[in-house]
Amino acid sequence: MRSSLMTVGVMVAALGVAPACATKKFVRTSVGEVNDKVTTMGTSLEQTQERVRQAEGRISETDAKAVAAGESANKANAAAGEAAKAANRATEVGRTAEARAASIEGEMRKLIFETVLSEDRGQFKLGQADLPEDATGAIDAMVNQLKTDKKAVWVEIEGHTDSTGDKLTNERLGLARAEAVKRYLYEKHQIPLHKINVISYGEDKPVAPNNTRDGRAQNRRVVIKVLA
């Protein structure tokens, strides 16, 4: 009887201990799985962070290249602008040199007569190159005389300005005034262009003081020389 009771007690104790062991095992297993998942997630997070850092580095590098490309483009545009200005200056210098060379050649020919378009024969307005309407009458009279003489002649047209404004602007303005007369001779009277030479002296050859209004008006002129 006593032996039976001991046996029953052992069995009861065993039944009590068995669930406790199973529970501990389950907990250890679950904890292990959670730890594995945490470790995996940590590794994945680190990898993601590394990819983000690499992407940020590439973005920064791309931004730097874009900025550098923009600066290079700006420098290229500026260089192109300076080159265009230099080309324009070279063209102006070449045109002036050519005109002056032709003028020297013209001085070797005989001057038949000349006509001055200034205050008394159609005044050029300040800063303007348009041919004054009153000046066309003097040009027409000159051409009629040329047709009467029937000589082989050359025409030299000098453009002059007053001293208002800078020197380069005045040189261009003088040339524009001379070109206006040349265009009129060609379009109205069919004077061959190869027989016409234009040159600008700008403000370099005044015929009156530039410190008075009347003097400046006289200096704004075009001189037409007929050479044989």
C-alpha atoms as a PDB file:
ATOM      1  CA  MET A   1       0.000   0.000   0.000  1.00  0.00           C
ATOM      2  CA  ARG A   2       2.734   2.463   0.924  1.00  0.00           C
ATOM      3  CA  SER A   3       4.599   1.498  -2.249  1.00  0.00           C
ATOM      4  CA  SER A   4       1.576   2.257  -4.371  1.00  0.00           C
ATOM      5  CA  LEU A   5       1.201   5.659  -2.814  1.00  0.00           C
ATOM      6  CA  MET A   6       4.848   6.496  -3.573  1.00  0.00           C
ATOM      7  CA  THR A   7       4.395   5.435  -7.148  1.00  0.00           C
ATOM      8  CA  VAL A   8       1.371   7.651  -7.532  1.00  0.00           C
ATOM      9  CA  GLY A   9       3.282  10.576  -5.984  1.00  0.00           C
ATOM     10  CA  VAL A  10       6.164  10.167  -8.407  1.00  0.00           C
ATOM     11  CA  MET A  11       3.777  10.111 -11.339  1.00  0.00           C
ATOM     12  CA  VAL A  12       2.016  13.246 -10.120  1.00  0.00           C
ATOM     13  CA  ALA A  13       5.334  14.993  -9.675  1.00  0.00           C
ATOM     14  CA  ALA A  14       6.409  13.905 -13.140  1.00  0.00           C
ATOM     15  CA  LEU A  15       3.194  15.202 -14.654  1.00  0.00           C
ATOM     16  CA  GLY A  16       3.738  18.527 -12.897  1.00  0.00           C
ATOM     17  CA  VAL A  17       7.331  18.872 -14.054  1.00  0.00           C
ATOM     18  CA  ALA A  18       6.679  17.820 -17.702  1.00  0.00           C
ATOM     19  CA  PRO A  19       4.543  20.863 -18.637  1.00  0.00           C
ATOM     20  CA  ALA A  20       7.035  23.181 -16.990  1.00  0.00           C
ATOM     21  CA  CYS A  21       9.912  21.748 -19.053  1.00  0.00           C
ATOM     22  CA  ALA A  22       7.869  21.930 -22.242  1.00  0.00           C
ATOM     23  CA  THR A  23       7.016  25.558 -21.544  1.00  0.00           C
ATOM     24  CA  LYS A  24      10.666  26.505 -20.952  1.00  0.00           C
ATOM     25  CA  LYS A  25      11.698  24.746 -24.180  1.00  0.00           C
ATOM     26  CA  PHE A  26       9.003  26.557 -26.141  1.00  0.00           C
ATOM     27  CA  VAL A  27      10.084  29.870 -24.652  1.00  0.00           C
ATOM     28  CA  ARG A  28      13.713  29.218 -25.499  1.00  0.00           C
ATOM     29  CA  THR A  29      12.760  28.286 -29.065  1.00  0.00           C
ATOM     30  CA  SER A  30      10.558  31.365 -29.506  1.00  0.00           C
ATOM     31  CA  VAL A  31      13.183  33.630 -28.049  1.00  0.00           C
ATOM     32  CA  GLY A  32      15.752  32.146 -30.391  1.00  0.00           C
ATOM     33  CA  GLU A  33      13.542  32.747 -33.396  1.00  0.00           C
ATOM     34  CA  VAL A  34      12.892  36.323 -32.316  1.00  0.00           C
ATOM     35  CA  ASN A  35      16.598  36.896 -31.830  1.00  0.00           C
ATOM     36  CA  ASP A  36      17.271  35.502 -35.298  1.00  0.00           C
ATOM     37  CA  LYS A  37      14.636  37.806 -36.781  1.00  0.00           C
ATOM     38  CA  VAL A  38      16.055  40.780 -34.911  1.00  0.00           C
ATOM     39  CA  THR A  39      19.535  39.910 -36.133  1.00  0.00           C
ATOM     40  CA  THR A  40      18.259  39.541 -39.708  1.00  0.00           C
ATOM     41  CA  MET A  41      16.357  42.821 -39.506  1.00  0.00           C
ATOM     42  CA  GLY A  42      19.413  44.542 -38.064  1.00  0.00           C
ATOM     43  CA  THR A  43      21.571  43.260 -40.892  1.00  0.00           C
ATOM     44  CA  SER A  44      18.963  44.337 -43.456  1.00  0.00           C
ATOM     45  CA  LEU A  45      18.730  47.762 -41.850  1.00  0.00           C
ATOM     46  CA  GLU A  46      22.491  48.191 -41.980  1.00  0.00           C
ATOM     47  CA  GLN A  47      22.501  47.163 -45.633  1.00  0.00           C
ATOM     48  CA  THR A  48      19.698  49.617 -46.376  1.00  0.00           C
ATOM     49  CA  GLN A  49      21.532  52.385 -44.569  1.00  0.00           C
ATOM     50  CA  GLU A  50      24.679  51.594 -46.556  1.00  0.00           C
ATOM     51  CA  ARG A  51      22.729  51.737 -49.839  1.00  0.00           C
ATOM     52  CA  VAL A  52      21.253  55.067 -48.779  1.00  0.00           C
ATOM     53  CA  ARG A  53      24.739  56.422 -47.989  1.00  0.00           C
ATOM     54  CA  GLN A  54      26.006  55.240 -51.369  1.00  0.00           C
ATOM     55  CA  ALA A  55      23.002  56.778 -53.124  1.00  0.00           C
ATOM     56  CA  GLU A  56      23.528  60.072 -51.301  1.00  0.00           C
ATOM     57  CA  GLY A  57      27.173  59.983 -52.364  1.00  0.00           C
ATOM     58  CA  ARG A  58      26.201  59.439 -56.000  1.00  0.00           C
ATOM     59  CA  ILE A  59      23.613  62.243 -55.789  1.00  0.00           C
ATOM     60  CA  SER A  60      26.210  64.602 -54.314  1.00  0.00           C
ATOM     61  CA  GLU A  61      28.678  63.626 -57.029  1.00  0.00           C
ATOM     62  CA  THR A  62      26.029  64.184 -59.725  1.00  0.00           C
ATOM     63  CA  ASP A  63      25.135  67.583 -58.253  1.00  0.00           C
ATOM     64  CA  ALA A  64      28.798  68.568 -58.225  1.00  0.00           C
ATOM     65  CA  LYS A  65      29.172  67.514 -61.863  1.00  0.00           C
ATOM     66  CA  ALA A  66      26.028  69.455 -62.792  1.00  0.00           C
ATOM     67  CA  VAL A  67      27.349  72.574 -61.073  1.00  0.00           C
ATOM     68  CA  ALA A  68      30.728  72.159 -62.770  1.00  0.00           C
ATOM     69  CA  ALA A  69      29.004  71.676 -66.152  1.00  0.00           C
ATOM     70  CA  GLY A  70      26.958  74.825 -65.585  1.00  0.00           C
ATOM     71  CA  GLU A  71      30.052  76.817 -64.732  1.00  0.00           C
ATOM     72  CA  SER A  72      31.828  75.461 -67.811  1.00  0.00           C
ATOM     73  CA  ALA A  73      28.853  76.423 -69.981  1.00  0.00           C
ATOM     74  CA  ASN A  74      28.826  79.945 -68.542  1.00  0.00           C
ATOM     75  CA  LYS A  75      32.551  80.293 -69.168  1.00  0.00           C
ATOM     76  CA  ALA A  76      32.108  79.002 -72.714  1.00  0.00           C
ATOM     77  CA  ASN A  77      29.313  81.509 -73.362  1.00  0.00           C
ATOM     78  CA  ALA A  78      31.419  84.321 -71.959  1.00  0.00           C
ATOM     79  CA  ALA A  79      34.382  83.255 -74.106  1.00  0.00           C
ATOM     80  CA  ALA A  80      32.147  83.110 -77.180  1.00  0.00           C
ATOM     81  CA  GLY A  81      30.855  86.592 -76.412  1.00  0.00           C
ATOM     82  CA  GLU A  82      34.380  87.958 -76.088  1.00  0.00           C
ATOM     83  CA  ALA A  83      35.385  86.226 -79.325  1.00  0.00           C
ATOM     84  CA  ALA A  84      32.412  87.797 -81.125  1.00  0.00           C
ATOM     85  CA  LYS A  85      33.368  91.234 -79.797  1.00  0.00           C
ATOM     86  CA  ALA A  86      36.963  90.707 -80.887  1.00  0.00           C
ATOM     87  CA  ALA A  87      35.791  89.642 -84.349  1.00  0.00           C
ATOM     88  CA  ASN A  88      33.620  92.747 -84.626  1.00  0.00           C
ATOM     89  CA  ARG A  89      36.528  94.949 -83.567  1.00  0.00           C
ATOM     90  CA  ALA A  90      38.779  93.226 -86.098  1.00  0.00           C
ATOM     91  CA  THR A  91      36.176  93.782 -88.816  1.00  0.00           C
ATOM     92  CA  GLU A  92      35.929  97.464 -87.916  1.00  0.00           C
ATOM     93  CA  VAL A  93      39.703  97.835 -87.952  1.00  0.00           C
ATOM     94  CA  GLY A  94      39.989  96.021 -91.269  1.00  0.00           C
ATOM     95  CA  ARG A  95      37.244  98.125 -92.828  1.00  0.00           C
ATOM     96  CA  THR A  96      38.847 101.337 -91.619  1.00  0.00           C
ATOM     97  CA  ALA A  97      42.282 100.259 -92.858  1.00  0.00           C
ATOM     98  CA  GLU A  98      40.856  99.353 -96.242  1.00  0.00           C
ATOM     99  CA  ALA A  99      39.057 102.671 -96.494  1.00  0.00           C
ATOM    100  CA  ARG A 100      42.160 104.631 -95.514  1.00  0.00           C
ATOM    101  CA  ALA A 101      44.241 102.726 -98.070  1.00  0.00           C
ATOM    102  CA  ALA A 102      41.710 103.584-100.738  1.00  0.00           C
ATOM    103  CA  SER A 103      41.783 107.185 -99.549  1.00  0.00           C
ATOM    104  CA  ILE A 104      45.561 107.345 -99.974  1.00  0.00           C
ATOM    105  CA  GLU A 105      45.197 105.910-103.457  1.00  0.00           C
ATOM    106  CA  GLY A 106      42.515 108.485-104.171  1.00  0.00           C
ATOM    107  CA  GLU A 107      44.801 111.310-103.106  1.00  0.00           C
ATOM    108  CA  MET A 108      47.110 110.326-105.943  1.00  0.00           C
ATOM    109  CA  ARG A 109      44.330 111.117-108.417  1.00  0.00           C
ATOM    110  CA  LYS A 110      43.350 114.614-109.509  1.00  0.00           C
ATOM    111  CA  LEU A 111      40.558 116.291-107.552  1.00  0.00           C
ATOM    112  CA  ILE A 112      37.987 117.741-109.941  1.00  0.00           C
ATOM    113  CA  PHE A 113      35.599 119.197-107.399  1.00  0.00           C
ATOM    114  CA  GLU A 114      33.966 118.438-104.102  1.00  0.00           C
ATOM    115  CA  THR A 115      30.615 118.927-102.428  1.00  0.00           C
ATOM    116  CA  VAL A 116      30.133 119.368 -98.690  1.00  0.00           C
ATOM    117  CA  LEU A 117      26.838 118.306 -97.137  1.00  0.00           C
ATOM    118  CA  SER A 118      26.620 120.149 -93.850  1.00  0.00           C
ATOM    119  CA  GLU A 119      24.816 123.113 -92.287  1.00  0.00           C
ATOM    120  CA  ASP A 120      24.126 124.962 -95.547  1.00  0.00           C
ATOM    121  CA  ARG A 121      23.167 121.884 -97.571  1.00  0.00           C
ATOM    122  CA  GLY A 122      21.191 119.646 -95.301  1.00  0.00           C
ATOM    123  CA  GLN A 123      22.377 119.273 -91.755  1.00  0.00           C
ATOM    124  CA  PHE A 124      22.895 115.831 -90.288  1.00  0.00           C
ATOM    125  CA  LYS A 125      21.068 115.620 -86.984  1.00  0.00           C
ATOM    126  CA  LEU A 126      22.911 114.848 -83.782  1.00  0.00           C
ATOM    127  CA  GLY A 127      23.619 111.118 -83.559  1.00  0.00           C
ATOM    128  CA  GLN A 128      21.761 110.373 -86.815  1.00  0.00           C
ATOM    129  CA  ALA A 129      23.037 108.936 -90.102  1.00  0.00           C
ATOM    130  CA  ASP A 130      19.917 109.413 -92.230  1.00  0.00           C
ATOM    131  CA  LEU A 131      20.551 111.438 -95.357  1.00  0.00           C
ATOM    132  CA  PRO A 132      18.799 114.833 -94.948  1.00  0.00           C
ATOM    133  CA  GLU A 133      16.252 115.527 -97.663  1.00  0.00           C
ATOM    134  CA  ASP A 134      17.804 118.928 -98.419  1.00  0.00           C
ATOM    135  CA  ALA A 135      21.136 117.254 -99.201  1.00  0.00           C
ATOM    136  CA  THR A 136      19.792 115.255-102.144  1.00  0.00           C
ATOM    137  CA  GLY A 137      19.550 118.393-104.305  1.00  0.00           C
ATOM    138  CA  ALA A 138      23.277 119.048-103.953  1.00  0.00           C
ATOM    139  CA  ILE A 139      24.030 115.412-104.796  1.00  0.00           C
ATOM    140  CA  ASP A 140      21.786 115.518-107.860  1.00  0.00           C
ATOM    141  CA  ALA A 141      23.550 118.684-109.118  1.00  0.00           C
ATOM    142  CA  MET A 142      26.935 117.011-108.654  1.00  0.00           C
ATOM    143  CA  VAL A 143      25.856 113.922-110.603  1.00  0.00           C
ATOM    144  CA  ASN A 144      24.443 116.017-113.440  1.00  0.00           C
ATOM    145  CA  GLN A 145      27.818 117.718-113.752  1.00  0.00           C
ATOM    146  CA  LEU A 146      29.547 114.338-113.885  1.00  0.00           C
ATOM    147  CA  LYS A 147      27.254 113.211-116.678  1.00  0.00           C
ATOM    148  CA  THR A 148      27.986 116.410-118.599  1.00  0.00           C
ATOM    149  CA  ASP A 149      31.755 116.073-118.336  1.00  0.00           C
ATOM    150  CA  LYS A 150      31.635 112.402-119.327  1.00  0.00           C
ATOM    151  CA  LYS A 151      34.959 111.698-117.652  1.00  0.00           C
ATOM    152  CA  ALA A 152      36.113 108.500-116.052  1.00  0.00           C
ATOM    153  CA  VAL A 153      35.857 109.501-112.430  1.00  0.00           C
ATOM    154  CA  TRP A 154      35.942 108.020-108.955  1.00  0.00           C
ATOM    155  CA  VAL A 155      33.947 109.253-106.011  1.00  0.00           C
ATOM    156  CA  GLU A 156      35.297 109.411-102.489  1.00  0.00           C
ATOM    157  CA  ILE A 157      32.865 110.035 -99.651  1.00  0.00           C
ATOM    158  CA  GLU A 158      34.130 111.185 -96.259  1.00  0.00           C
ATOM    159  CA  GLY A 159      31.963 110.889 -93.157  1.00  0.00           C
ATOM    160  CA  HIS A 160      32.563 113.359 -90.308  1.00  0.00           C
ATOM    161  CA  THR A 161      31.016 113.955 -86.874  1.00  0.00           C
ATOM    162  CA  ASP A 162      31.259 116.399 -84.019  1.00  0.00           C
ATOM    163  CA  SER A 163      32.966 115.405 -80.765  1.00  0.00           C
ATOM    164  CA  THR A 164      29.795 114.410 -78.935  1.00  0.00           C
ATOM    165  CA  GLY A 165      30.083 110.803 -77.723  1.00  0.00           C
ATOM    166  CA  ASP A 166      33.074 108.467 -77.659  1.00  0.00           C
ATOM    167  CA  LYS A 167      35.602 108.158 -80.468  1.00  0.00           C
ATOM    168  CA  LEU A 168      34.620 104.677 -81.672  1.00  0.00           C
ATOM    169  CA  THR A 169      30.926 105.582 -81.829  1.00  0.00           C
ATOM    170  CA  ASN A 170      31.740 108.718 -83.827  1.00  0.00           C
ATOM    171  CA  GLU A 171      33.861 106.727 -86.254  1.00  0.00           C
ATOM    172  CA  ARG A 172      30.961 104.338 -86.858  1.00  0.00           C
ATOM    173  CA  LEU A 173      28.515 107.211 -87.192  1.00  0.00           C
ATOM    174  CA  GLY A 174      30.734 108.972 -89.738  1.00  0.00           C
ATOM    175  CA  LEU A 175      30.913 105.756 -91.759  1.00  0.00           C
ATOM    176  CA  ALA A 176      27.142 105.342 -91.623  1.00  0.00           C
ATOM    177  CA  ARG A 177      26.669 108.882 -92.976  1.00  0.00           C
ATOM    178  CA  ALA A 178      29.088 108.233 -95.827  1.00  0.00           C
ATOM    179  CA  GLU A 179      27.328 104.928 -96.590  1.00  0.00           C
ATOM    180  CA  ALA A 180      23.983 106.750 -96.767  1.00  0.00           C
ATOM    181  CA  VAL A 181      25.340 109.018 -99.531  1.00  0.00           C
ATOM    182  CA  LYS A 182      26.890 106.039-101.327  1.00  0.00           C
ATOM    183  CA  ARG A 183      23.576 104.200-101.272  1.00  0.00           C
ATOM    184  CA  TYR A 184      21.798 107.249-102.707  1.00  0.00           C
ATOM    185  CA  LEU A 185      24.332 107.574-105.554  1.00  0.00           C
ATOM    186  CA  TYR A 186      23.892 103.920-106.430  1.00  0.00           C
ATOM    187  CA  GLU A 187      20.125 103.600-106.061  1.00  0.00           C
ATOM    188  CA  LYS A 188      19.134 106.980-107.527  1.00  0.00           C
ATOM    189  CA  HIS A 189      21.867 107.568-110.125  1.00  0.00           C
ATOM    190  CA  GLN A 190      23.275 104.063-110.730  1.00  0.00           C
ATOM    191  CA  ILE A 191      26.855 105.129-109.999  1.00  0.00           C
ATOM    192  CA  PRO A 192      28.838 101.831-110.026  1.00  0.00           C
ATOM    193  CA  LEU A 193      29.774 100.747-106.544  1.00  0.00           C
ATOM    194  CA  HIS A 194      33.354  99.951-107.570  1.00  0.00           C
ATOM    195  CA  LYS A 195      33.795 103.624-108.409  1.00  0.00           C
ATOM    196  CA  ILE A 196      32.705 104.758-104.944  1.00  0.00           C
ATOM    197  CA  ASN A 197      34.861 104.644-101.838  1.00  0.00           C
ATOM    198  CA  VAL A 198      33.706 105.582 -98.352  1.00  0.00           C
ATOM    199  CA  ILE A 199      35.810 106.496 -95.344  1.00  0.00           C
ATOM    200  CA  SER A 200      35.042 107.766 -91.856  1.00  0.00           C
ATOM    201  CA  TYR A 201      37.172 110.295 -90.044  1.00  0.00           C
ATOM    202  CA  GLY A 202      34.745 110.500 -87.141  1.00  0.00           C
ATOM    203  CA  GLU A 203      35.613 113.506 -84.991  1.00  0.00           C
ATOM    204  CA  ASP A 204      39.259 113.680 -86.132  1.00  0.00           C
ATOM    205  CA  LYS A 205      38.916 116.443 -88.746  1.00  0.00           C
ATOM    206  CA  PRO A 206      36.651 119.211 -87.432  1.00  0.00           C
ATOM    207  CA  VAL A 207      36.180 122.360 -89.528  1.00  0.00           C
ATOM    208  CA  ALA A 208      34.800 124.377 -86.620  1.00  0.00           C
ATOM    209  CA  PRO A 209      35.104 124.383 -82.804  1.00  0.00           C
ATOM    210  CA  ASN A 210      33.078 121.707 -81.079  1.00  0.00           C
ATOM    211  CA  ASN A 211      32.382 123.907 -78.060  1.00  0.00           C
ATOM    212  CA  THR A 212      29.533 125.745 -79.809  1.00  0.00           C
ATOM    213  CA  ARG A 213      26.258 124.510 -81.240  1.00  0.00           C
ATOM    214  CA  ASP A 214      26.935 126.013 -84.680  1.00  0.00           C
ATOM    215  CA  GLY A 215      30.439 124.573 -84.729  1.00  0.00           C
ATOM    216  CA  ARG A 216      29.187 121.068 -83.950  1.00  0.00           C
ATOM    217  CA  ALA A 217      26.542 121.413 -86.676  1.00  0.00           C
ATOM    218  CA  GLN A 218      29.222 122.238 -89.253  1.00  0.00           C
ATOM    219  CA  ASN A 219      31.314 119.286 -88.168  1.00  0.00           C
ATOM    220  CA  ARG A 220      28.410 116.901 -88.745  1.00  0.00           C
ATOM    221  CA  ARG A 221      28.982 116.627 -92.480  1.00  0.00           C
ATOM    222  CA  VAL A 222      29.759 114.478 -95.480  1.00  0.00           C
ATOM    223  CA  VAL A 223      32.353 115.523 -98.047  1.00  0.00           C
ATOM    224  CA  ILE A 224      31.964 114.145-101.572  1.00  0.00           C
ATOM    225  CA  LYS A 225      35.131 114.306-103.664  1.00  0.00           C
ATOM    226  CA  VAL A 226      35.164 113.627-107.391  1.00  0.00           C
ATOM    227  CA  LEU A 227      38.530 112.412-108.678  1.00  0.00           C
ATOM    228  CA  ALA A 228      39.819 111.745-112.160  1.00  0.00           C
END
